[in-house]
Amino acid sequence: MNSNSQSANADTYSHRLADIVGTAIALLTLTLPVFVIGHYSSPDVQNNPQPLTYNIQGSED
């Protein structure tokens, strides 16, 4: 009967460890992209882009 109680303790430990590792992976998945985008984004972004102009010439008959 002691072997069953030891197995239950090992399962509880492995389940708790899996929960901690899963939580860490989830937090990295959610936060890492935000930090990477913030690190590599340029602070000198122009908010006023130049307007596009098109020259349309009408055909003369």
PDB file of N, CA and C in Angstrom:
ATOM      1  N   MET A   1       0.814  -1.193   0.000  1.00  0.00           N
ATOM      2  CA  MET A   1       0.000   0.000   0.000  1.00  0.00           C
ATOM      3  C   MET A   1       0.861   1.262   0.000  1.00  0.00           C
ATOM      4  N   ASN A   2       2.057   1.140   0.495  1.00  0.00           N
ATOM      5  CA  ASN A   2       2.942   2.288   0.495  1.00  0.00           C
ATOM      6  C   ASN A   2       3.351   2.683  -0.915  1.00  0.00           C
ATOM      7  N   SER A   3       3.457   1.707  -1.813  1.00  0.00           N
ATOM      8  CA  SER A   3       3.856   2.026  -3.178  1.00  0.00           C
ATOM      9  C   SER A   3       2.804   2.881  -3.881  1.00  0.00           C
ATOM     10  N   ASN A   4       1.539   2.659  -3.563  1.00  0.00           N
ATOM     11  CA  ASN A   4       0.492   3.474  -4.169  1.00  0.00           C
ATOM     12  C   ASN A   4       0.574   4.922  -3.690  1.00  0.00           C
ATOM     13  N   SER A   5       0.854   5.135  -2.437  1.00  0.00           N
ATOM     14  CA  SER A   5       0.936   6.500  -1.927  1.00  0.00           C
ATOM     15  C   SER A   5       2.153   7.222  -2.506  1.00  0.00           C
ATOM     16  N   GLN A   6       3.256   6.514  -2.725  1.00  0.00           N
ATOM     17  CA  GLN A   6       4.428   7.138  -3.331  1.00  0.00           C
ATOM     18  C   GLN A   6       4.161   7.508  -4.786  1.00  0.00           C
ATOM     19  N   SER A   7       3.448   6.669  -5.491  1.00  0.00           N
ATOM     20  CA  SER A   7       3.118   6.947  -6.882  1.00  0.00           C
ATOM     21  C   SER A   7       2.198   8.158  -6.976  1.00  0.00           C
ATOM     22  N   ALA A   8       1.260   8.276  -6.051  1.00  0.00           N
ATOM     23  CA  ALA A   8       0.353   9.427  -6.050  1.00  0.00           C
ATOM     24  C   ALA A   8       1.123  10.712  -5.799  1.00  0.00           C
ATOM     25  N   ASN A   9       2.116  10.665  -4.906  1.00  0.00           N
ATOM     26  CA  ASN A   9       2.927  11.853  -4.645  1.00  0.00           C
ATOM     27  C   ASN A   9       3.748  12.239  -5.872  1.00  0.00           C
ATOM     28  N   ALA A  10       4.293  11.254  -6.574  1.00  0.00           N
ATOM     29  CA  ALA A  10       5.075  11.532  -7.776  1.00  0.00           C
ATOM     30  C   ALA A  10       4.187  12.120  -8.863  1.00  0.00           C
ATOM     31  N   ASP A  11       2.967  11.608  -9.009  1.00  0.00           N
ATOM     32  CA  ASP A  11       2.047  12.146 -10.002  1.00  0.00           C
ATOM     33  C   ASP A  11       1.650  13.583  -9.666  1.00  0.00           C
ATOM     34  N   THR A  12       1.445  13.867  -8.398  1.00  0.00           N
ATOM     35  CA  THR A  12       1.093  15.225  -7.989  1.00  0.00           C
ATOM     36  C   THR A  12       2.244  16.176  -8.278  1.00  0.00           C
ATOM     37  N   TYR A  13       3.479  15.736  -8.006  1.00  0.00           N
ATOM     38  CA  TYR A  13       4.649  16.576  -8.268  1.00  0.00           C
ATOM     39  C   TYR A  13       4.807  16.836  -9.766  1.00  0.00           C
ATOM     40  N   SER A  14       4.680  15.798 -10.578  1.00  0.00           N
ATOM     41  CA  SER A  14       4.848  15.970 -12.021  1.00  0.00           C
ATOM     42  C   SER A  14       3.723  16.820 -12.599  1.00  0.00           C
ATOM     43  N   HIS A  15       2.515  16.678 -12.050  1.00  0.00           N
ATOM     44  CA  HIS A  15       1.396  17.492 -12.517  1.00  0.00           C
ATOM     45  C   HIS A  15       1.628  18.963 -12.164  1.00  0.00           C
ATOM     46  N   ARG A  16       2.122  19.221 -10.955  1.00  0.00           N
ATOM     47  CA  ARG A  16       2.410  20.591 -10.530  1.00  0.00           C
ATOM     48  C   ARG A  16       3.537  21.185 -11.367  1.00  0.00           C
ATOM     49  N   LEU A  17       4.547  20.387 -11.656  1.00  0.00           N
ATOM     50  CA  LEU A  17       5.653  20.855 -12.487  1.00  0.00           C
ATOM     51  C   LEU A  17       5.171  21.174 -13.904  1.00  0.00           C
ATOM     52  N   ALA A  18       4.299  20.341 -14.435  1.00  0.00           N
ATOM     53  CA  ALA A  18       3.750  20.596 -15.771  1.00  0.00           C
ATOM     54  C   ALA A  18       2.923  21.877 -15.780  1.00  0.00           C
ATOM     55  N   ASP A  19       2.179  22.139 -14.712  1.00  0.00           N
ATOM     56  CA  ASP A  19       1.414  23.385 -14.623  1.00  0.00           C
ATOM     57  C   ASP A  19       2.334  24.604 -14.599  1.00  0.00           C
ATOM     58  N   ILE A  20       3.427  24.507 -13.856  1.00  0.00           N
ATOM     59  CA  ILE A  20       4.360  25.636 -13.767  1.00  0.00           C
ATOM     60  C   ILE A  20       5.037  25.872 -15.118  1.00  0.00           C
ATOM     61  N   VAL A  21       5.484  24.814 -15.767  1.00  0.00           N
ATOM     62  CA  VAL A  21       6.133  24.954 -17.071  1.00  0.00           C
ATOM     63  C   VAL A  21       5.139  25.483 -18.103  1.00  0.00           C
ATOM     64  N   GLY A  22       3.927  24.999 -18.083  1.00  0.00           N
ATOM     65  CA  GLY A  22       2.901  25.487 -19.019  1.00  0.00           C
ATOM     66  C   GLY A  22       2.582  26.949 -18.802  1.00  0.00           C
ATOM     67  N   THR A  23       2.517  27.365 -17.544  1.00  0.00           N
ATOM     68  CA  THR A  23       2.259  28.769 -17.240  1.00  0.00           C
ATOM     69  C   THR A  23       3.413  29.642 -17.713  1.00  0.00           C
ATOM     70  N   ALA A  24       4.639  29.183 -17.511  1.00  0.00           N
ATOM     71  CA  ALA A  24       5.812  29.950 -17.967  1.00  0.00           C
ATOM     72  C   ALA A  24       5.814  30.087 -19.486  1.00  0.00           C
ATOM     73  N   ILE A  25       5.497  29.024 -20.191  1.00  0.00           N
ATOM     74  CA  ILE A  25       5.449  29.082 -21.654  1.00  0.00           C
ATOM     75  C   ILE A  25       4.351  30.028 -22.111  1.00  0.00           C
ATOM     76  N   ALA A  26       3.201  29.985 -21.450  1.00  0.00           N
ATOM     77  CA  ALA A  26       2.100  30.874 -21.828  1.00  0.00           C
ATOM     78  C   ALA A  26       2.479  32.333 -21.598  1.00  0.00           C
ATOM     79  N   LEU A  27       3.115  32.635 -20.481  1.00  0.00           N
ATOM     80  CA  LEU A  27       3.520  34.016 -20.209  1.00  0.00           C
ATOM     81  C   LEU A  27       4.563  34.501 -21.212  1.00  0.00           C
ATOM     82  N   LEU A  28       5.518  33.652 -21.556  1.00  0.00           N
ATOM     83  CA  LEU A  28       6.508  34.031 -22.569  1.00  0.00           C
ATOM     84  C   LEU A  28       5.857  34.264 -23.924  1.00  0.00           C
ATOM     85  N   THR A  29       4.898  33.412 -24.275  1.00  0.00           N
ATOM     86  CA  THR A  29       4.224  33.539 -25.553  1.00  0.00           C
ATOM     87  C   THR A  29       3.448  34.852 -25.643  1.00  0.00           C
ATOM     88  N   LEU A  30       2.892  35.298 -24.521  1.00  0.00           N
ATOM     89  CA  LEU A  30       2.097  36.519 -24.538  1.00  0.00           C
ATOM     90  C   LEU A  30       2.939  37.786 -24.396  1.00  0.00           C
ATOM     91  N   THR A  31       4.033  37.720 -23.673  1.00  0.00           N
ATOM     92  CA  THR A  31       4.787  38.943 -23.390  1.00  0.00           C
ATOM     93  C   THR A  31       6.006  39.143 -24.288  1.00  0.00           C
ATOM     94  N   LEU A  32       6.639  38.085 -24.729  1.00  0.00           N
ATOM     95  CA  LEU A  32       7.851  38.216 -25.524  1.00  0.00           C
ATOM     96  C   LEU A  32       7.629  38.990 -26.823  1.00  0.00           C
ATOM     97  N   PRO A  33       6.573  38.731 -27.594  1.00  0.00           N
ATOM     98  CA  PRO A  33       6.383  39.518 -28.826  1.00  0.00           C
ATOM     99  C   PRO A  33       6.239  41.021 -28.556  1.00  0.00           C
ATOM    100  N   VAL A  34       5.603  41.388 -27.462  1.00  0.00           N
ATOM    101  CA  VAL A  34       5.438  42.809 -27.143  1.00  0.00           C
ATOM    102  C   VAL A  34       6.798  43.449 -26.886  1.00  0.00           C
ATOM    103  N   PHE A  35       7.654  42.786 -26.135  1.00  0.00           N
ATOM    104  CA  PHE A  35       8.973  43.333 -25.852  1.00  0.00           C
ATOM    105  C   PHE A  35       9.853  43.368 -27.102  1.00  0.00           C
ATOM    106  N   VAL A  36       9.759  42.361 -27.945  1.00  0.00           N
ATOM    107  CA  VAL A  36      10.563  42.337 -29.168  1.00  0.00           C
ATOM    108  C   VAL A  36      10.122  43.456 -30.109  1.00  0.00           C
ATOM    109  N   ILE A  37       8.831  43.642 -30.274  1.00  0.00           N
ATOM    110  CA  ILE A  37       8.335  44.722 -31.132  1.00  0.00           C
ATOM    111  C   ILE A  37       8.740  46.070 -30.568  1.00  0.00           C
ATOM    112  N   GLY A  38       8.639  46.235 -29.268  1.00  0.00           N
ATOM    113  CA  GLY A  38       9.047  47.485 -28.648  1.00  0.00           C
ATOM    114  C   GLY A  38      10.530  47.749 -28.779  1.00  0.00           C
ATOM    115  N   HIS A  39      11.331  46.716 -28.747  1.00  0.00           N
ATOM    116  CA  HIS A  39      12.783  46.888 -28.847  1.00  0.00           C
ATOM    117  C   HIS A  39      13.218  47.240 -30.263  1.00  0.00           C
ATOM    118  N   TYR A  40      12.625  46.599 -31.259  1.00  0.00           N
ATOM    119  CA  TYR A  40      13.060  46.795 -32.634  1.00  0.00           C
ATOM    120  C   TYR A  40      12.286  47.873 -33.380  1.00  0.00           C
ATOM    121  N   SER A  41      11.259  48.449 -32.789  1.00  0.00           N
ATOM    122  CA  SER A  41      10.515  49.494 -33.492  1.00  0.00           C
ATOM    123  C   SER A  41      11.322  50.786 -33.462  1.00  0.00           C
ATOM    124  N   SER A  42      11.194  51.542 -34.514  1.00  0.00           N
ATOM    125  CA  SER A  42      11.954  52.783 -34.642  1.00  0.00           C
ATOM    126  C   SER A  42      11.236  53.906 -33.901  1.00  0.00           C
ATOM    127  N   PRO A  43      11.952  54.687 -33.101  1.00  0.00           N
ATOM    128  CA  PRO A  43      11.298  55.804 -32.408  1.00  0.00           C
ATOM    129  C   PRO A  43      11.055  57.001 -33.326  1.00  0.00           C
ATOM    130  N   ASP A  44      11.696  57.047 -34.483  1.00  0.00           N
ATOM    131  CA  ASP A  44      11.558  58.172 -35.406  1.00  0.00           C
ATOM    132  C   ASP A  44      10.583  57.834 -36.528  1.00  0.00           C
ATOM    133  N   VAL A  45       9.346  57.637 -36.167  1.00  0.00           N
ATOM    134  CA  VAL A  45       8.327  57.301 -37.148  1.00  0.00           C
ATOM    135  C   VAL A  45       7.623  58.582 -37.560  1.00  0.00           C
ATOM    136  N   GLN A  46       7.527  58.816 -38.861  1.00  0.00           N
ATOM    137  CA  GLN A  46       6.823  59.997 -39.348  1.00  0.00           C
ATOM    138  C   GLN A  46       5.334  59.693 -39.399  1.00  0.00           C
ATOM    139  N   ASN A  47       4.565  60.565 -38.770  1.00  0.00           N
ATOM    140  CA  ASN A  47       3.116  60.373 -38.765  1.00  0.00           C
ATOM    141  C   ASN A  47       2.445  61.047 -39.951  1.00  0.00           C
ATOM    142  N   ASN A  48       3.183  61.869 -40.683  1.00  0.00           N
ATOM    143  CA  ASN A  48       2.613  62.583 -41.827  1.00  0.00           C
ATOM    144  C   ASN A  48       3.301  62.137 -43.116  1.00  0.00           C
ATOM    145  N   PRO A  49       2.852  61.049 -43.707  1.00  0.00           N
ATOM    146  CA  PRO A  49       3.479  60.605 -44.954  1.00  0.00           C
ATOM    147  C   PRO A  49       3.128  61.557 -46.097  1.00  0.00           C
ATOM    148  N   GLN A  50       3.979  61.600 -47.095  1.00  0.00           N
ATOM    149  CA  GLN A  50       3.735  62.448 -48.249  1.00  0.00           C
ATOM    150  C   GLN A  50       2.540  61.907 -49.035  1.00  0.00           C
ATOM    151  N   PRO A  51       1.644  62.798 -49.470  1.00  0.00           N
ATOM    152  CA  PRO A  51       0.494  62.322 -50.249  1.00  0.00           C
ATOM    153  C   PRO A  51       0.933  61.863 -51.638  1.00  0.00           C
ATOM    154  N   LEU A  52       0.245  60.872 -52.142  1.00  0.00           N
ATOM    155  CA  LEU A  52       0.536  60.382 -53.480  1.00  0.00           C
ATOM    156  C   LEU A  52      -0.159  61.279 -54.499  1.00  0.00           C
ATOM    157  N   THR A  53       0.552  61.664 -55.546  1.00  0.00           N
ATOM    158  CA  THR A  53      -0.046  62.464 -56.602  1.00  0.00           C
ATOM    159  C   THR A  53       0.031  61.681 -57.897  1.00  0.00           C
ATOM    160  N   TYR A  54      -1.026  61.746 -58.629  1.00  0.00           N
ATOM    161  CA  TYR A  54      -1.102  61.066 -59.907  1.00  0.00           C
ATOM    162  C   TYR A  54      -1.343  62.099 -60.999  1.00  0.00           C
ATOM    163  N   ASN A  55      -0.591  62.012 -62.066  1.00  0.00           N
ATOM    164  CA  ASN A  55      -0.800  62.875 -63.212  1.00  0.00           C
ATOM    165  C   ASN A  55      -1.595  62.096 -64.251  1.00  0.00           C
ATOM    166  N   ILE A  56      -2.823  62.495 -64.442  1.00  0.00           N
ATOM    167  CA  ILE A  56      -3.685  61.840 -65.410  1.00  0.00           C
ATOM    168  C   ILE A  56      -3.845  62.772 -66.594  1.00  0.00           C
ATOM    169  N   GLN A  57      -3.393  62.310 -67.729  1.00  0.00           N
ATOM    170  CA  GLN A  57      -3.498  63.127 -68.930  1.00  0.00           C
ATOM    171  C   GLN A  57      -4.636  62.600 -69.786  1.00  0.00           C
ATOM    172  N   GLY A  58      -5.507  63.505 -70.178  1.00  0.00           N
ATOM    173  CA  GLY A  58      -6.626  63.098 -71.024  1.00  0.00           C
ATOM    174  C   GLY A  58      -6.183  62.976 -72.462  1.00  0.00           C
ATOM    175  N   SER A  59      -6.756  62.052 -73.181  1.00  0.00           N
ATOM    176  CA  SER A  59      -6.396  61.881 -74.596  1.00  0.00           C
ATOM    177  C   SER A  59      -7.176  62.887 -75.428  1.00  0.00           C
ATOM    178  N   GLU A  60      -6.478  63.516 -76.352  1.00  0.00           N
ATOM    179  CA  GLU A  60      -7.119  64.504 -77.235  1.00  0.00           C
ATOM    180  C   GLU A  60      -7.359  63.867 -78.585  1.00  0.00           C
ATOM    181  N   ASP A  61      -8.558  64.017 -79.090  1.00  0.00           N
ATOM    182  CA  ASP A  61      -8.901  63.441 -80.402  1.00  0.00           C
ATOM    183  C   ASP A  61      -8.595  64.383 -81.520  1.00  0.00           C
TER     184      ASP A  61
END
